[in-house]
PDB file of N, CA and C in Angstrom:
ATOM      1  N   MET A   1      71.935  95.223 -81.959  1.00  0.00           N
ATOM      2  CA  MET A   1      72.930  94.386 -81.363  1.00  0.00           C
ATOM      3  C   MET A   1      72.787  92.987 -81.921  1.00  0.00           C
ATOM      4  N   THR A   2      73.901  92.372 -82.249  1.00  0.00           N
ATOM      5  CA  THR A   2      73.918  91.031 -82.802  1.00  0.00           C
ATOM      6  C   THR A   2      74.543  90.080 -81.795  1.00  0.00           C
ATOM      7  N   THR A   3      73.910  88.928 -81.619  1.00  0.00           N
ATOM      8  CA  THR A   3      74.476  87.926 -80.709  1.00  0.00           C
ATOM      9  C   THR A   3      75.133  86.827 -81.516  1.00  0.00           C
ATOM     10  N   ALA A   4      76.196  86.306 -80.972  1.00  0.00           N
ATOM     11  CA  ALA A   4      76.909  85.237 -81.659  1.00  0.00           C
ATOM     12  C   ALA A   4      76.143  83.936 -81.531  1.00  0.00           C
ATOM     13  N   ARG A   5      76.187  83.166 -82.552  1.00  0.00           N
ATOM     14  CA  ARG A   5      75.505  81.873 -82.551  1.00  0.00           C
ATOM     15  C   ARG A   5      76.491  80.804 -82.116  1.00  0.00           C
ATOM     16  N   ASN A   6      76.075  79.937 -81.196  1.00  0.00           N
ATOM     17  CA  ASN A   6      76.930  78.860 -80.719  1.00  0.00           C
ATOM     18  C   ASN A   6      76.896  77.729 -81.734  1.00  0.00           C
ATOM     19  N   THR A   7      77.989  77.575 -82.452  1.00  0.00           N
ATOM     20  CA  THR A   7      78.035  76.529 -83.484  1.00  0.00           C
ATOM     21  C   THR A   7      78.423  75.182 -82.899  1.00  0.00           C
ATOM     22  N   HIS A   8      78.866  75.161 -81.651  1.00  0.00           N
ATOM     23  CA  HIS A   8      79.279  73.904 -81.024  1.00  0.00           C
ATOM     24  C   HIS A   8      78.110  73.181 -80.361  1.00  0.00           C
ATOM     25  N   LEU A   9      77.020  73.874 -80.149  1.00  0.00           N
ATOM     26  CA  LEU A   9      75.860  73.246 -79.524  1.00  0.00           C
ATOM     27  C   LEU A   9      75.195  72.325 -80.529  1.00  0.00           C
ATOM     28  N   ASN A  10      74.992  71.114 -80.135  1.00  0.00           N
ATOM     29  CA  ASN A  10      74.422  70.115 -81.014  1.00  0.00           C
ATOM     30  C   ASN A  10      73.328  69.395 -80.232  1.00  0.00           C
ATOM     31  N   ALA A  11      72.269  69.024 -80.859  1.00  0.00           N
ATOM     32  CA  ALA A  11      71.166  68.337 -80.183  1.00  0.00           C
ATOM     33  C   ALA A  11      71.613  66.996 -79.599  1.00  0.00           C
ATOM     34  N   ALA A  12      72.634  66.402 -80.184  1.00  0.00           N
ATOM     35  CA  ALA A  12      73.118  65.121 -79.684  1.00  0.00           C
ATOM     36  C   ALA A  12      73.818  65.279 -78.331  1.00  0.00           C
ATOM     37  N   HIS A  13      74.332  66.497 -78.057  1.00  0.00           N
ATOM     38  CA  HIS A  13      75.042  66.731 -76.807  1.00  0.00           C
ATOM     39  C   HIS A  13      74.163  67.351 -75.733  1.00  0.00           C
ATOM     40  N   ALA A  14      72.977  67.751 -76.083  1.00  0.00           N
ATOM     41  CA  ALA A  14      72.085  68.394 -75.116  1.00  0.00           C
ATOM     42  C   ALA A  14      71.461  67.337 -74.212  1.00  0.00           C
ATOM     43  N   ARG A  15      71.277  67.705 -72.970  1.00  0.00           N
ATOM     44  CA  ARG A  15      70.617  66.794 -72.031  1.00  0.00           C
ATOM     45  C   ARG A  15      69.124  66.807 -72.283  1.00  0.00           C
ATOM     46  N   PRO A  16      68.495  65.656 -72.273  1.00  0.00           N
ATOM     47  CA  PRO A  16      67.038  65.647 -72.460  1.00  0.00           C
ATOM     48  C   PRO A  16      66.354  66.244 -71.235  1.00  0.00           C
ATOM     49  N   HIS A  17      65.291  66.967 -71.488  1.00  0.00           N
ATOM     50  CA  HIS A  17      64.533  67.569 -70.399  1.00  0.00           C
ATOM     51  C   HIS A  17      63.559  66.519 -69.872  1.00  0.00           C
ATOM     52  N   THR A  18      63.668  66.232 -68.576  1.00  0.00           N
ATOM     53  CA  THR A  18      62.741  65.283 -67.956  1.00  0.00           C
ATOM     54  C   THR A  18      62.016  65.985 -66.830  1.00  0.00           C
ATOM     55  N   SER A  19      60.743  65.732 -66.737  1.00  0.00           N
ATOM     56  CA  SER A  19      59.947  66.341 -65.684  1.00  0.00           C
ATOM     57  C   SER A  19      59.862  65.432 -64.458  1.00  0.00           C
ATOM     58  N   THR A  20      60.403  64.222 -64.562  1.00  0.00           N
ATOM     59  CA  THR A  20      60.344  63.317 -63.425  1.00  0.00           C
ATOM     60  C   THR A  20      61.426  63.656 -62.421  1.00  0.00           C
ATOM     61  N   ARG A  21      61.124  63.413 -61.186  1.00  0.00           N
ATOM     62  CA  ARG A  21      62.061  63.665 -60.106  1.00  0.00           C
ATOM     63  C   ARG A  21      63.089  62.543 -60.056  1.00  0.00           C
ATOM     64  N   PRO A  22      64.353  62.850 -59.807  1.00  0.00           N
ATOM     65  CA  PRO A  22      65.343  61.780 -59.714  1.00  0.00           C
ATOM     66  C   PRO A  22      65.055  60.884 -58.504  1.00  0.00           C
ATOM     67  N   ALA A  23      65.464  59.661 -58.606  1.00  0.00           N
ATOM     68  CA  ALA A  23      65.214  58.703 -57.534  1.00  0.00           C
ATOM     69  C   ALA A  23      65.973  59.092 -56.280  1.00  0.00           C
ATOM     70  N   THR A  24      65.305  58.977 -55.122  1.00  0.00           N
ATOM     71  CA  THR A  24      65.948  59.298 -53.855  1.00  0.00           C
ATOM     72  C   THR A  24      66.034  58.065 -52.967  1.00  0.00           C
ATOM     73  N   ARG A  25      65.901  56.907 -53.566  1.00  0.00           N
ATOM     74  CA  ARG A  25      65.921  55.689 -52.769  1.00  0.00           C
ATOM     75  C   ARG A  25      67.341  55.163 -52.673  1.00  0.00           C
ATOM     76  N   GLN A  26      67.690  54.648 -51.513  1.00  0.00           N
ATOM     77  CA  GLN A  26      69.006  54.061 -51.302  1.00  0.00           C
ATOM     78  C   GLN A  26      68.863  52.823 -50.452  1.00  0.00           C
ATOM     79  N   SER A  27      69.841  51.959 -50.536  1.00  0.00           N
ATOM     80  CA  SER A  27      69.797  50.717 -49.769  1.00  0.00           C
ATOM     81  C   SER A  27      70.365  50.949 -48.376  1.00  0.00           C
ATOM     82  N   THR A  28      69.748  50.335 -47.364  1.00  0.00           N
ATOM     83  CA  THR A  28      70.251  50.453 -46.003  1.00  0.00           C
ATOM     84  C   THR A  28      71.395  49.469 -45.802  1.00  0.00           C
ATOM     85  N   LEU A  29      72.103  49.630 -44.725  1.00  0.00           N
ATOM     86  CA  LEU A  29      73.281  48.818 -44.464  1.00  0.00           C
ATOM     87  C   LEU A  29      72.940  47.338 -44.340  1.00  0.00           C
ATOM     88  N   GLY A  30      73.233  46.569 -45.358  1.00  0.00           N
ATOM     89  CA  GLY A  30      73.118  45.122 -45.307  1.00  0.00           C
ATOM     90  C   GLY A  30      71.728  44.555 -45.134  1.00  0.00           C
ATOM     91  N   SER A  31      70.714  45.383 -45.046  1.00  0.00           N
ATOM     92  CA  SER A  31      69.383  44.842 -44.800  1.00  0.00           C
ATOM     93  C   SER A  31      68.647  44.501 -46.091  1.00  0.00           C
ATOM     94  N   GLY A  32      69.096  45.055 -47.213  1.00  0.00           N
ATOM     95  CA  GLY A  32      68.435  44.791 -48.475  1.00  0.00           C
ATOM     96  C   GLY A  32      67.113  45.511 -48.618  1.00  0.00           C
ATOM     97  N   ILE A  33      66.838  46.467 -47.756  1.00  0.00           N
ATOM     98  CA  ILE A  33      65.592  47.215 -47.801  1.00  0.00           C
ATOM     99  C   ILE A  33      65.868  48.582 -48.392  1.00  0.00           C
ATOM    100  N   ALA A  34      65.086  48.991 -49.363  1.00  0.00           N
ATOM    101  CA  ALA A  34      65.252  50.313 -49.946  1.00  0.00           C
ATOM    102  C   ALA A  34      64.473  51.318 -49.118  1.00  0.00           C
ATOM    103  N   THR A  35      65.102  52.425 -48.809  1.00  0.00           N
ATOM    104  CA  THR A  35      64.431  53.457 -48.033  1.00  0.00           C
ATOM    105  C   THR A  35      64.346  54.730 -48.823  1.00  0.00           C
ATOM    106  N   ASP A  36      63.358  55.516 -48.526  1.00  0.00           N
ATOM    107  CA  ASP A  36      63.209  56.805 -49.159  1.00  0.00           C
ATOM    108  C   ASP A  36      63.978  57.816 -48.323  1.00  0.00           C
ATOM    109  N   SER A  37      65.150  58.218 -48.811  1.00  0.00           N
ATOM    110  CA  SER A  37      66.023  59.085 -48.027  1.00  0.00           C
ATOM    111  C   SER A  37      65.486  60.508 -47.932  1.00  0.00           C
ATOM    112  N   GLY A  38      64.482  60.835 -48.725  1.00  0.00           N
ATOM    113  CA  GLY A  38      63.938  62.178 -48.692  1.00  0.00           C
ATOM    114  C   GLY A  38      62.854  62.374 -47.645  1.00  0.00           C
ATOM    115  N   TYR A  39      62.345  61.311 -47.081  1.00  0.00           N
ATOM    116  CA  TYR A  39      61.250  61.423 -46.124  1.00  0.00           C
ATOM    117  C   TYR A  39      61.722  61.026 -44.741  1.00  0.00           C
ATOM    118  N   ILE A  40      61.399  61.836 -43.751  1.00  0.00           N
ATOM    119  CA  ILE A  40      61.707  61.542 -42.359  1.00  0.00           C
ATOM    120  C   ILE A  40      60.420  61.698 -41.576  1.00  0.00           C
ATOM    121  N   GLY A  41      59.958  60.647 -40.945  1.00  0.00           N
ATOM    122  CA  GLY A  41      58.721  60.735 -40.173  1.00  0.00           C
ATOM    123  C   GLY A  41      58.468  59.479 -39.379  1.00  0.00           C
ATOM    124  N   LYS A  42      57.477  59.544 -38.523  1.00  0.00           N
ATOM    125  CA  LYS A  42      57.074  58.392 -37.724  1.00  0.00           C
ATOM    126  C   LYS A  42      56.362  57.392 -38.626  1.00  0.00           C
ATOM    127  N   PRO A  43      56.485  56.099 -38.344  1.00  0.00           N
ATOM    128  CA  PRO A  43      55.801  55.098 -39.164  1.00  0.00           C
ATOM    129  C   PRO A  43      54.284  55.267 -39.116  1.00  0.00           C
ATOM    130  N   THR A  44      53.710  55.557 -40.255  1.00  0.00           N
ATOM    131  CA  THR A  44      52.275  55.732 -40.402  1.00  0.00           C
ATOM    132  C   THR A  44      51.882  55.257 -41.792  1.00  0.00           C
ATOM    133  N   CYS A  45      50.805  54.521 -41.902  1.00  0.00           N
ATOM    134  CA  CYS A  45      50.336  54.051 -43.199  1.00  0.00           C
ATOM    135  C   CYS A  45      49.770  55.221 -43.996  1.00  0.00           C
ATOM    136  N   ASP A  46      50.244  55.411 -45.218  1.00  0.00           N
ATOM    137  CA  ASP A  46      49.761  56.497 -46.073  1.00  0.00           C
ATOM    138  C   ASP A  46      48.319  56.279 -46.509  1.00  0.00           C
ATOM    139  N   LYS A  47      47.934  55.018 -46.708  1.00  0.00           N
ATOM    140  CA  LYS A  47      46.568  54.723 -47.156  1.00  0.00           C
ATOM    141  C   LYS A  47      45.562  54.823 -46.009  1.00  0.00           C
ATOM    142  N   CYS A  48      45.888  54.213 -44.875  1.00  0.00           N
ATOM    143  CA  CYS A  48      44.969  54.183 -43.728  1.00  0.00           C
ATOM    144  C   CYS A  48      45.065  55.433 -42.857  1.00  0.00           C
ATOM    145  N   ARG A  49      46.126  56.206 -43.010  1.00  0.00           N
ATOM    146  CA  ARG A  49      46.357  57.443 -42.249  1.00  0.00           C
ATOM    147  C   ARG A  49      46.418  57.211 -40.737  1.00  0.00           C
ATOM    148  N   THR A  50      46.974  56.048 -40.335  1.00  0.00           N
ATOM    149  CA  THR A  50      47.094  55.739 -38.921  1.00  0.00           C
ATOM    150  C   THR A  50      48.301  54.835 -38.701  1.00  0.00           C
ATOM    151  N   ASP A  51      48.733  54.743 -37.452  1.00  0.00           N
ATOM    152  CA  ASP A  51      49.799  53.809 -37.105  1.00  0.00           C
ATOM    153  C   ASP A  51      49.248  52.617 -36.320  1.00  0.00           C
ATOM    154  N   GLU A  52      47.928  52.518 -36.271  1.00  0.00           N
ATOM    155  CA  GLU A  52      47.267  51.493 -35.472  1.00  0.00           C
ATOM    156  C   GLU A  52      47.549  50.072 -35.952  1.00  0.00           C
ATOM    157  N   PHE A  53      47.756  49.869 -37.260  1.00  0.00           N
ATOM    158  CA  PHE A  53      47.913  48.531 -37.820  1.00  0.00           C
ATOM    159  C   PHE A  53      49.344  48.249 -38.286  1.00  0.00           C
ATOM    160  N   ILE A  54      50.300  49.026 -37.805  1.00  0.00           N
ATOM    161  CA  ILE A  54      51.690  48.896 -38.231  1.00  0.00           C
ATOM    162  C   ILE A  54      52.343  47.667 -37.613  1.00  0.00           C
ATOM    163  N   TYR A  55      52.975  46.845 -38.462  1.00  0.00           N
ATOM    164  CA  TYR A  55      53.794  45.724 -38.019  1.00  0.00           C
ATOM    165  C   TYR A  55      55.234  46.083 -38.361  1.00  0.00           C
ATOM    166  N   LEU A  56      56.051  46.256 -37.360  1.00  0.00           N
ATOM    167  CA  LEU A  56      57.431  46.675 -37.548  1.00  0.00           C
ATOM    168  C   LEU A  56      58.274  45.515 -38.072  1.00  0.00           C
ATOM    169  N   GLU A  57      58.844  45.692 -39.260  1.00  0.00           N
ATOM    170  CA  GLU A  57      59.696  44.670 -39.869  1.00  0.00           C
ATOM    171  C   GLU A  57      61.126  44.784 -39.344  1.00  0.00           C
ATOM    172  N   SER A  58      61.666  46.015 -39.344  1.00  0.00           N
ATOM    173  CA  SER A  58      63.025  46.228 -38.846  1.00  0.00           C
ATOM    174  C   SER A  58      63.203  47.670 -38.392  1.00  0.00           C
ATOM    175  N   TYR A  59      64.151  47.847 -37.492  1.00  0.00           N
ATOM    176  CA  TYR A  59      64.503  49.171 -36.996  1.00  0.00           C
ATOM    177  C   TYR A  59      66.015  49.241 -36.843  1.00  0.00           C
ATOM    178  N   ILE A  60      66.619  50.236 -37.450  1.00  0.00           N
ATOM    179  CA  ILE A  60      68.046  50.492 -37.300  1.00  0.00           C
ATOM    180  C   ILE A  60      68.165  51.814 -36.559  1.00  0.00           C
ATOM    181  N   PRO A  61      68.731  51.817 -35.361  1.00  0.00           N
ATOM    182  CA  PRO A  61      68.814  53.056 -34.579  1.00  0.00           C
ATOM    183  C   PRO A  61      69.779  54.053 -35.208  1.00  0.00           C
ATOM    184  N   PRO A  62      69.651  55.324 -34.834  1.00  0.00           N
ATOM    185  CA  PRO A  62      70.570  56.329 -35.376  1.00  0.00           C
ATOM    186  C   PRO A  62      71.997  56.065 -34.894  1.00  0.00           C
ATOM    187  N   THR A  63      72.963  56.537 -35.665  1.00  0.00           N
ATOM    188  CA  THR A  63      74.365  56.404 -35.263  1.00  0.00           C
ATOM    189  C   THR A  63      74.934  57.783 -34.991  1.00  0.00           C
ATOM    190  N   TYR A  64      75.880  57.828 -34.083  1.00  0.00           N
ATOM    191  CA  TYR A  64      76.477  59.083 -33.658  1.00  0.00           C
ATOM    192  C   TYR A  64      77.996  59.028 -33.817  1.00  0.00           C
ATOM    193  N   ARG A  65      78.593  60.176 -34.053  1.00  0.00           N
ATOM    194  CA  ARG A  65      80.047  60.285 -34.124  1.00  0.00           C
ATOM    195  C   ARG A  65      80.615  60.321 -32.716  1.00  0.00           C
ATOM    196  N   HIS A  66      81.939  60.250 -32.603  1.00  0.00           N
ATOM    197  CA  HIS A  66      82.598  60.265 -31.292  1.00  0.00           C
ATOM    198  C   HIS A  66      82.351  61.565 -30.538  1.00  0.00           C
ATOM    199  N   ASP A  67      82.138  62.665 -31.268  1.00  0.00           N
ATOM    200  CA  ASP A  67      81.892  63.945 -30.594  1.00  0.00           C
ATOM    201  C   ASP A  67      80.427  64.111 -30.177  1.00  0.00           C
ATOM    202  N   GLY A  68      79.595  63.113 -30.449  1.00  0.00           N
ATOM    203  CA  GLY A  68      78.192  63.144 -30.046  1.00  0.00           C
ATOM    204  C   GLY A  68      77.244  63.681 -31.101  1.00  0.00           C
ATOM    205  N   SER A  69      77.766  64.158 -32.225  1.00  0.00           N
ATOM    206  CA  SER A  69      76.892  64.663 -33.277  1.00  0.00           C
ATOM    207  C   SER A  69      76.303  63.496 -34.073  1.00  0.00           C
ATOM    208  N   LEU A  70      75.176  63.743 -34.684  1.00  0.00           N
ATOM    209  CA  LEU A  70      74.452  62.718 -35.435  1.00  0.00           C
ATOM    210  C   LEU A  70      75.202  62.360 -36.707  1.00  0.00           C
ATOM    211  N   SER A  71      75.423  61.077 -36.917  1.00  0.00           N
ATOM    212  CA  SER A  71      76.085  60.598 -38.123  1.00  0.00           C
ATOM    213  C   SER A  71      75.057  60.155 -39.163  1.00  0.00           C
ATOM    214  N   ALA A  72      74.052  59.388 -38.730  1.00  0.00           N
ATOM    215  CA  ALA A  72      73.002  58.910 -39.634  1.00  0.00           C
ATOM    216  C   ALA A  72      71.706  58.746 -38.855  1.00  0.00           C
ATOM    217  N   LEU A  73      70.602  59.082 -39.492  1.00  0.00           N
ATOM    218  CA  LEU A  73      69.287  58.919 -38.878  1.00  0.00           C
ATOM    219  C   LEU A  73      68.936  57.441 -38.748  1.00  0.00           C
ATOM    220  N   GLY A  74      68.032  57.132 -37.855  1.00  0.00           N
ATOM    221  CA  GLY A  74      67.517  55.777 -37.730  1.00  0.00           C
ATOM    222  C   GLY A  74      66.625  55.457 -38.917  1.00  0.00           C
ATOM    223  N   GLU A  75      66.466  54.179 -39.206  1.00  0.00           N
ATOM    224  CA  GLU A  75      65.633  53.743 -40.322  1.00  0.00           C
ATOM    225  C   GLU A  75      64.657  52.678 -39.853  1.00  0.00           C
ATOM    226  N   VAL A  76      63.496  52.680 -40.463  1.00  0.00           N
ATOM    227  CA  VAL A  76      62.454  51.738 -40.087  1.00  0.00           C
ATOM    228  C   VAL A  76      61.819  51.156 -41.351  1.00  0.00           C
ATOM    229  N   ALA A  77      61.426  49.893 -41.262  1.00  0.00           N
ATOM    230  CA  ALA A  77      60.683  49.231 -42.331  1.00  0.00           C
ATOM    231  C   ALA A  77      59.465  48.587 -41.678  1.00  0.00           C
ATOM    232  N   TYR A  78      58.313  48.753 -42.302  1.00  0.00           N
ATOM    233  CA  TYR A  78      57.086  48.254 -41.684  1.00  0.00           C
ATOM    234  C   TYR A  78      56.022  47.948 -42.725  1.00  0.00           C
ATOM    235  N   THR A  79      55.044  47.153 -42.291  1.00  0.00           N
ATOM    236  CA  THR A  79      53.908  46.788 -43.126  1.00  0.00           C
ATOM    237  C   THR A  79      52.632  47.129 -42.378  1.00  0.00           C
ATOM    238  N   CYS A  80      51.661  47.656 -43.090  1.00  0.00           N
ATOM    239  CA  CYS A  80      50.343  47.891 -42.506  1.00  0.00           C
ATOM    240  C   CYS A  80      49.561  46.586 -42.643  1.00  0.00           C
ATOM    241  N   THR A  81      49.139  46.019 -41.525  1.00  0.00           N
ATOM    242  CA  THR A  81      48.419  44.744 -41.572  1.00  0.00           C
ATOM    243  C   THR A  81      46.981  44.904 -42.060  1.00  0.00           C
ATOM    244  N   ARG A  82      46.499  46.113 -42.126  1.00  0.00           N
ATOM    245  CA  ARG A  82      45.136  46.350 -42.612  1.00  0.00           C
ATOM    246  C   ARG A  82      45.087  46.346 -44.136  1.00  0.00           C
ATOM    247  N   CYS A  83      45.984  47.118 -44.779  1.00  0.00           N
ATOM    248  CA  CYS A  83      45.950  47.208 -46.240  1.00  0.00           C
ATOM    249  C   CYS A  83      47.144  46.514 -46.905  1.00  0.00           C
ATOM    250  N   GLU A  84      48.061  45.971 -46.093  1.00  0.00           N
ATOM    251  CA  GLU A  84      49.242  45.249 -46.553  1.00  0.00           C
ATOM    252  C   GLU A  84      50.187  46.117 -47.380  1.00  0.00           C
ATOM    253  N   ASP A  85      50.243  47.397 -47.074  1.00  0.00           N
ATOM    254  CA  ASP A  85      51.143  48.327 -47.742  1.00  0.00           C
ATOM    255  C   ASP A  85      52.472  48.340 -46.992  1.00  0.00           C
ATOM    256  N   PHE A  86      53.594  48.190 -47.702  1.00  0.00           N
ATOM    257  CA  PHE A  86      54.924  48.183 -47.108  1.00  0.00           C
ATOM    258  C   PHE A  86      55.576  49.542 -47.305  1.00  0.00           C
ATOM    259  N   SER A  87      56.351  49.974 -46.307  1.00  0.00           N
ATOM    260  CA  SER A  87      57.079  51.229 -46.417  1.00  0.00           C
ATOM    261  C   SER A  87      58.364  51.147 -45.611  1.00  0.00           C
ATOM    262  N   ALA A  88      59.353  51.942 -46.007  1.00  0.00           N
ATOM    263  CA  ALA A  88      60.623  52.035 -45.290  1.00  0.00           C
ATOM    264  C   ALA A  88      61.165  53.443 -45.483  1.00  0.00           C
ATOM    265  N   HIS A  89      61.650  54.037 -44.405  1.00  0.00           N
ATOM    266  CA  HIS A  89      62.186  55.391 -44.479  1.00  0.00           C
ATOM    267  C   HIS A  89      62.937  55.737 -43.206  1.00  0.00           C
ATOM    268  N   SER A  90      63.551  56.909 -43.197  1.00  0.00           N
ATOM    269  CA  SER A  90      64.246  57.399 -42.010  1.00  0.00           C
ATOM    270  C   SER A  90      63.237  57.914 -40.992  1.00  0.00           C
ATOM    271  N   VAL A  91      63.625  57.849 -39.724  1.00  0.00           N
ATOM    272  CA  VAL A  91      62.760  58.322 -38.645  1.00  0.00           C
ATOM    273  C   VAL A  91      63.479  59.424 -37.872  1.00  0.00           C
ATOM    274  N   PRO A  92      62.723  60.304 -37.199  1.00  0.00           N
ATOM    275  CA  PRO A  92      63.353  61.348 -36.391  1.00  0.00           C
ATOM    276  C   PRO A  92      64.201  60.731 -35.272  1.00  0.00           C
ATOM    277  N   VAL A  93      65.193  61.450 -34.827  1.00  0.00           N
ATOM    278  CA  VAL A  93      66.090  60.970 -33.774  1.00  0.00           C
ATOM    279  C   VAL A  93      65.314  60.656 -32.503  1.00  0.00           C
ATOM    280  N   THR A  94      64.253  61.390 -32.250  1.00  0.00           N
ATOM    281  CA  THR A  94      63.474  61.211 -31.023  1.00  0.00           C
ATOM    282  C   THR A  94      62.554  59.992 -31.061  1.00  0.00           C
ATOM    283  N   TRP A  95      62.367  59.348 -32.233  1.00  0.00           N
ATOM    284  CA  TRP A  95      61.453  58.217 -32.337  1.00  0.00           C
ATOM    285  C   TRP A  95      62.197  56.905 -32.162  1.00  0.00           C
ATOM    286  N   THR A  96      61.637  56.028 -31.341  1.00  0.00           N
ATOM    287  CA  THR A  96      62.080  54.639 -31.210  1.00  0.00           C
ATOM    288  C   THR A  96      60.836  53.770 -31.126  1.00  0.00           C
ATOM    289  N   PRO A  97      60.933  52.511 -31.490  1.00  0.00           N
ATOM    290  CA  PRO A  97      59.772  51.625 -31.369  1.00  0.00           C
ATOM    291  C   PRO A  97      59.339  51.519 -29.918  1.00  0.00           C
ATOM    292  N   PRO A  98      58.036  51.367 -29.676  1.00  0.00           N
ATOM    293  CA  PRO A  98      57.555  51.214 -28.298  1.00  0.00           C
ATOM    294  C   PRO A  98      58.242  50.050 -27.592  1.00  0.00           C
ATOM    295  N   GLY A  99      58.758  50.322 -26.399  1.00  0.00           N
ATOM    296  CA  GLY A  99      59.419  49.285 -25.616  1.00  0.00           C
ATOM    297  C   GLY A  99      60.851  48.989 -26.028  1.00  0.00           C
ATOM    298  N   TRP A 100      61.366  49.720 -27.011  1.00  0.00           N
ATOM    299  CA  TRP A 100      62.724  49.474 -27.488  1.00  0.00           C
ATOM    300  C   TRP A 100      63.749  50.193 -26.638  1.00  0.00           C
ATOM    301  N   TYR A 101      64.845  49.516 -26.368  1.00  0.00           N
ATOM    302  CA  TYR A 101      65.951  50.138 -25.643  1.00  0.00           C
ATOM    303  C   TYR A 101      67.237  49.394 -26.002  1.00  0.00           C
ATOM    304  N   LEU A 102      68.360  50.077 -25.860  1.00  0.00           N
ATOM    305  CA  LEU A 102      69.651  49.415 -26.063  1.00  0.00           C
ATOM    306  C   LEU A 102      69.968  48.616 -24.804  1.00  0.00           C
ATOM    307  N   GLY A 103      70.261  47.362 -24.957  1.00  0.00           N
ATOM    308  CA  GLY A 103      70.475  46.579 -23.753  1.00  0.00           C
ATOM    309  C   GLY A 103      71.403  45.477 -23.865  1.00  0.00           C
TER     310      GLY A 103
END
């Protein structure tokens, strides 16, 4: 059996193979903080493995549609005061900062 050769395929038109993962960071609404849209979790320092030294920079609560379904997850930005590592990402719907309420 003979297979046809693709004469239109050219190395100039081929996509380069990259082993790096595409960026998943996006900007939050007007805050100028980049968040990792792929990670959802409670604020915890990756280096210290604790939330004991977390200083909350900002919190954007989740938004809901008129029918009550979730429109967007809440977002948090924080710094670990122990190692000075900054992070920002989405948080679970059930998480809010201690003592936080809509008022």
